[in-house]
Amino acid sequence: MIKVENLTKRYAGQPAIQNLDFEVGKGEIMGFLGPNGAGKTTTMRILA
């Protein structure tokens, strides 16, 4: 299980991710979609 609560990341004071919450249960498959610059890669790098 992966649980993320209130994840925030800033670069030079500018928010890249702000108050992100999500949960992925055991055996679940999740898609992570969004426009360019939405913070998808940043989120995955934090979790890795």
PDB file of N, CA and C in Angstrom:
ATOM      1  N   MET A   1       0.838  -1.172   0.000  1.00  0.00           N
ATOM      2  CA  MET A   1       0.000   0.000   0.000  1.00  0.00           C
ATOM      3  C   MET A   1       0.888   1.241   0.000  1.00  0.00           C
ATOM      4  N   ILE A   2       0.456   2.226  -0.748  1.00  0.00           N
ATOM      5  CA  ILE A   2       1.133   3.527  -0.771  1.00  0.00           C
ATOM      6  C   ILE A   2       0.107   4.567  -0.356  1.00  0.00           C
ATOM      7  N   LYS A   3       0.467   5.395   0.608  1.00  0.00           N
ATOM      8  CA  LYS A   3      -0.429   6.453   1.069  1.00  0.00           C
ATOM      9  C   LYS A   3       0.353   7.757   1.127  1.00  0.00           C
ATOM     10  N   VAL A   4      -0.139   8.769   0.443  1.00  0.00           N
ATOM     11  CA  VAL A   4       0.491  10.087   0.411  1.00  0.00           C
ATOM     12  C   VAL A   4      -0.506  11.084   0.983  1.00  0.00           C
ATOM     13  N   GLU A   5      -0.059  11.883   1.932  1.00  0.00           N
ATOM     14  CA  GLU A   5      -0.921  12.890   2.543  1.00  0.00           C
ATOM     15  C   GLU A   5      -0.203  14.233   2.579  1.00  0.00           C
ATOM     16  N   ASN A   6      -0.852  15.251   2.044  1.00  0.00           N
ATOM     17  CA  ASN A   6      -0.388  16.633   2.129  1.00  0.00           C
ATOM     18  C   ASN A   6       1.025  16.826   1.567  1.00  0.00           C
ATOM     19  N   LEU A   7       1.332  16.186   0.451  1.00  0.00           N
ATOM     20  CA  LEU A   7       2.643  16.321  -0.183  1.00  0.00           C
ATOM     21  C   LEU A   7       2.754  17.682  -0.862  1.00  0.00           C
ATOM     22  N   THR A   8       3.781  18.422  -0.520  1.00  0.00           N
ATOM     23  CA  THR A   8       4.033  19.736  -1.107  1.00  0.00           C
ATOM     24  C   THR A   8       5.504  19.834  -1.469  1.00  0.00           C
ATOM     25  N   LYS A   9       5.796  20.379  -2.644  1.00  0.00           N
ATOM     26  CA  LYS A   9       7.178  20.593  -3.095  1.00  0.00           C
ATOM     27  C   LYS A   9       7.245  21.951  -3.759  1.00  0.00           C
ATOM     28  N   ARG A  10       8.253  22.732  -3.397  1.00  0.00           N
ATOM     29  CA  ARG A  10       8.450  24.059  -3.980  1.00  0.00           C
ATOM     30  C   ARG A  10       9.843  24.158  -4.577  1.00  0.00           C
ATOM     31  N   TYR A  11       9.943  24.879  -5.670  1.00  0.00           N
ATOM     32  CA  TYR A  11      11.221  25.215  -6.288  1.00  0.00           C
ATOM     33  C   TYR A  11      11.336  26.729  -6.264  1.00  0.00           C
ATOM     34  N   ALA A  12      12.323  27.230  -5.546  1.00  0.00           N
ATOM     35  CA  ALA A  12      12.549  28.681  -5.420  1.00  0.00           C
ATOM     36  C   ALA A  12      11.263  29.402  -5.022  1.00  0.00           C
ATOM     37  N   GLY A  13      10.530  28.809  -4.085  1.00  0.00           N
ATOM     38  CA  GLY A  13       9.315  29.432  -3.583  1.00  0.00           C
ATOM     39  C   GLY A  13       8.064  29.194  -4.410  1.00  0.00           C
ATOM     40  N   GLN A  14       8.227  28.661  -5.622  1.00  0.00           N
ATOM     41  CA  GLN A  14       7.081  28.397  -6.500  1.00  0.00           C
ATOM     42  C   GLN A  14       6.576  26.969  -6.256  1.00  0.00           C
ATOM     43  N   PRO A  15       5.294  26.789  -5.987  1.00  0.00           N
ATOM     44  CA  PRO A  15       4.791  25.433  -5.734  1.00  0.00           C
ATOM     45  C   PRO A  15       4.760  24.583  -7.004  1.00  0.00           C
ATOM     46  N   ALA A  16       5.392  23.416  -6.938  1.00  0.00           N
ATOM     47  CA  ALA A  16       5.325  22.443  -8.028  1.00  0.00           C
ATOM     48  C   ALA A  16       4.237  21.420  -7.717  1.00  0.00           C
ATOM     49  N   ILE A  17       4.107  21.084  -6.438  1.00  0.00           N
ATOM     50  CA  ILE A  17       3.065  20.185  -5.939  1.00  0.00           C
ATOM     51  C   ILE A  17       2.527  20.825  -4.668  1.00  0.00           C
ATOM     52  N   GLN A  18       1.220  20.832  -4.531  1.00  0.00           N
ATOM     53  CA  GLN A  18       0.640  21.487  -3.359  1.00  0.00           C
ATOM     54  C   GLN A  18      -0.492  20.636  -2.787  1.00  0.00           C
ATOM     55  N   ASN A  19      -0.303  20.166  -1.549  1.00  0.00           N
ATOM     56  CA  ASN A  19      -1.320  19.431  -0.792  1.00  0.00           C
ATOM     57  C   ASN A  19      -1.873  18.215  -1.542  1.00  0.00           C
ATOM     58  N   LEU A  20      -0.999  17.392  -2.090  1.00  0.00           N
ATOM     59  CA  LEU A  20      -1.409  16.200  -2.837  1.00  0.00           C
ATOM     60  C   LEU A  20      -1.702  15.052  -1.877  1.00  0.00           C
ATOM     61  N   ASP A  21      -2.853  14.415  -2.040  1.00  0.00           N
ATOM     62  CA  ASP A  21      -3.250  13.242  -1.263  1.00  0.00           C
ATOM     63  C   ASP A  21      -3.688  12.145  -2.227  1.00  0.00           C
ATOM     64  N   PHE A  22      -3.202  10.924  -2.016  1.00  0.00           N
ATOM     65  CA  PHE A  22      -3.744   9.770  -2.730  1.00  0.00           C
ATOM     66  C   PHE A  22      -3.322   8.495  -2.022  1.00  0.00           C
ATOM     67  N   GLU A  23      -4.034   7.424  -2.331  1.00  0.00           N
ATOM     68  CA  GLU A  23      -3.762   6.131  -1.729  1.00  0.00           C
ATOM     69  C   GLU A  23      -3.929   5.053  -2.796  1.00  0.00           C
ATOM     70  N   VAL A  24      -2.980   4.131  -2.828  1.00  0.00           N
ATOM     71  CA  VAL A  24      -3.041   2.991  -3.741  1.00  0.00           C
ATOM     72  C   VAL A  24      -2.963   1.738  -2.882  1.00  0.00           C
ATOM     73  N   GLY A  25      -4.008   0.935  -2.946  1.00  0.00           N
ATOM     74  CA  GLY A  25      -4.072  -0.278  -2.143  1.00  0.00           C
ATOM     75  C   GLY A  25      -3.266  -1.416  -2.743  1.00  0.00           C
ATOM     76  N   LYS A  26      -3.008  -2.416  -1.929  1.00  0.00           N
ATOM     77  CA  LYS A  26      -2.277  -3.607  -2.365  1.00  0.00           C
ATOM     78  C   LYS A  26      -3.019  -4.254  -3.531  1.00  0.00           C
ATOM     79  N   GLY A  27      -2.294  -4.538  -4.615  1.00  0.00           N
ATOM     80  CA  GLY A  27      -2.856  -5.184  -5.784  1.00  0.00           C
ATOM     81  C   GLY A  27      -3.548  -4.245  -6.759  1.00  0.00           C
ATOM     82  N   GLU A  28      -3.660  -2.971  -6.426  1.00  0.00           N
ATOM     83  CA  GLU A  28      -4.294  -2.001  -7.319  1.00  0.00           C
ATOM     84  C   GLU A  28      -3.299  -1.493  -8.355  1.00  0.00           C
ATOM     85  N   ILE A  29      -3.810  -1.108  -9.496  1.00  0.00           N
ATOM     86  CA  ILE A  29      -3.019  -0.469 -10.545  1.00  0.00           C
ATOM     87  C   ILE A  29      -3.543   0.946 -10.690  1.00  0.00           C
ATOM     88  N   MET A  30      -2.628   1.912 -10.675  1.00  0.00           N
ATOM     89  CA  MET A  30      -3.023   3.312 -10.712  1.00  0.00           C
ATOM     90  C   MET A  30      -2.403   3.995 -11.921  1.00  0.00           C
ATOM     91  N   GLY A  31      -3.152   4.850 -12.571  1.00  0.00           N
ATOM     92  CA  GLY A  31      -2.624   5.708 -13.631  1.00  0.00           C
ATOM     93  C   GLY A  31      -2.379   7.092 -13.068  1.00  0.00           C
ATOM     94  N   PHE A  32      -1.323   7.727 -13.513  1.00  0.00           N
ATOM     95  CA  PHE A  32      -0.957   9.055 -13.014  1.00  0.00           C
ATOM     96  C   PHE A  32      -0.946   9.988 -14.213  1.00  0.00           C
ATOM     97  N   LEU A  33      -2.038  10.703 -14.440  1.00  0.00           N
ATOM     98  CA  LEU A  33      -2.227  11.511 -15.637  1.00  0.00           C
ATOM     99  C   LEU A  33      -2.328  12.987 -15.297  1.00  0.00           C
ATOM    100  N   GLY A  34      -1.913  13.831 -16.239  1.00  0.00           N
ATOM    101  CA  GLY A  34      -2.049  15.273 -16.075  1.00  0.00           C
ATOM    102  C   GLY A  34      -1.283  16.000 -17.159  1.00  0.00           C
ATOM    103  N   PRO A  35      -1.531  17.290 -17.283  1.00  0.00           N
ATOM    104  CA  PRO A  35      -0.846  18.077 -18.309  1.00  0.00           C
ATOM    105  C   PRO A  35       0.634  18.279 -17.976  1.00  0.00           C
ATOM    106  N   ASN A  36       1.396  18.735 -18.964  1.00  0.00           N
ATOM    107  CA  ASN A  36       2.809  19.063 -18.741  1.00  0.00           C
ATOM    108  C   ASN A  36       2.916  20.080 -17.611  1.00  0.00           C
ATOM    109  N   GLY A  37       3.875  19.850 -16.729  1.00  0.00           N
ATOM    110  CA  GLY A  37       4.104  20.780 -15.630  1.00  0.00           C
ATOM    111  C   GLY A  37       3.193  20.577 -14.435  1.00  0.00           C
ATOM    112  N   ALA A  38       2.423  19.491 -14.417  1.00  0.00           N
ATOM    113  CA  ALA A  38       1.481  19.251 -13.319  1.00  0.00           C
ATOM    114  C   ALA A  38       2.147  18.658 -12.078  1.00  0.00           C
ATOM    115  N   GLY A  39       3.399  18.187 -12.195  1.00  0.00           N
ATOM    116  CA  GLY A  39       4.110  17.637 -11.049  1.00  0.00           C
ATOM    117  C   GLY A  39       4.148  16.115 -10.997  1.00  0.00           C
ATOM    118  N   LYS A  40       3.798  15.455 -12.086  1.00  0.00           N
ATOM    119  CA  LYS A  40       3.798  13.986 -12.112  1.00  0.00           C
ATOM    120  C   LYS A  40       5.195  13.416 -11.872  1.00  0.00           C
ATOM    121  N   THR A  41       6.157  13.868 -12.627  1.00  0.00           N
ATOM    122  CA  THR A  41       7.526  13.364 -12.497  1.00  0.00           C
ATOM    123  C   THR A  41       8.104  13.727 -11.139  1.00  0.00           C
ATOM    124  N   THR A  42       7.866  14.927 -10.679  1.00  0.00           N
ATOM    125  CA  THR A  42       8.350  15.355  -9.363  1.00  0.00           C
ATOM    126  C   THR A  42       7.790  14.452  -8.271  1.00  0.00           C
ATOM    127  N   THR A  43       6.507  14.142  -8.342  1.00  0.00           N
ATOM    128  CA  THR A  43       5.882  13.262  -7.355  1.00  0.00           C
ATOM    129  C   THR A  43       6.519  11.885  -7.371  1.00  0.00           C
ATOM    130  N   MET A  44       6.704  11.309  -8.551  1.00  0.00           N
ATOM    131  CA  MET A  44       7.298   9.975  -8.647  1.00  0.00           C
ATOM    132  C   MET A  44       8.742   9.968  -8.144  1.00  0.00           C
ATOM    133  N   ARG A  45       9.483  11.023  -8.393  1.00  0.00           N
ATOM    134  CA  ARG A  45      10.873  11.101  -7.901  1.00  0.00           C
ATOM    135  C   ARG A  45      10.914  11.181  -6.381  1.00  0.00           C
ATOM    136  N   ILE A  46       9.970  11.890  -5.783  1.00  0.00           N
ATOM    137  CA  ILE A  46       9.912  11.970  -4.323  1.00  0.00           C
ATOM    138  C   ILE A  46       9.611  10.595  -3.733  1.00  0.00           C
ATOM    139  N   LEU A  47       8.717   9.851  -4.367  1.00  0.00           N
ATOM    140  CA  LEU A  47       8.313   8.545  -3.847  1.00  0.00           C
ATOM    141  C   LEU A  47       9.348   7.454  -4.088  1.00  0.00           C
ATOM    142  N   ALA A  48      10.238   7.642  -5.068  1.00  0.00           N
ATOM    143  CA  ALA A  48      11.204   6.589  -5.428  1.00  0.00           C
ATOM    144  C   ALA A  48      12.300   6.424  -4.402  1.00  0.00           C
TER     145      ALA A  48
END
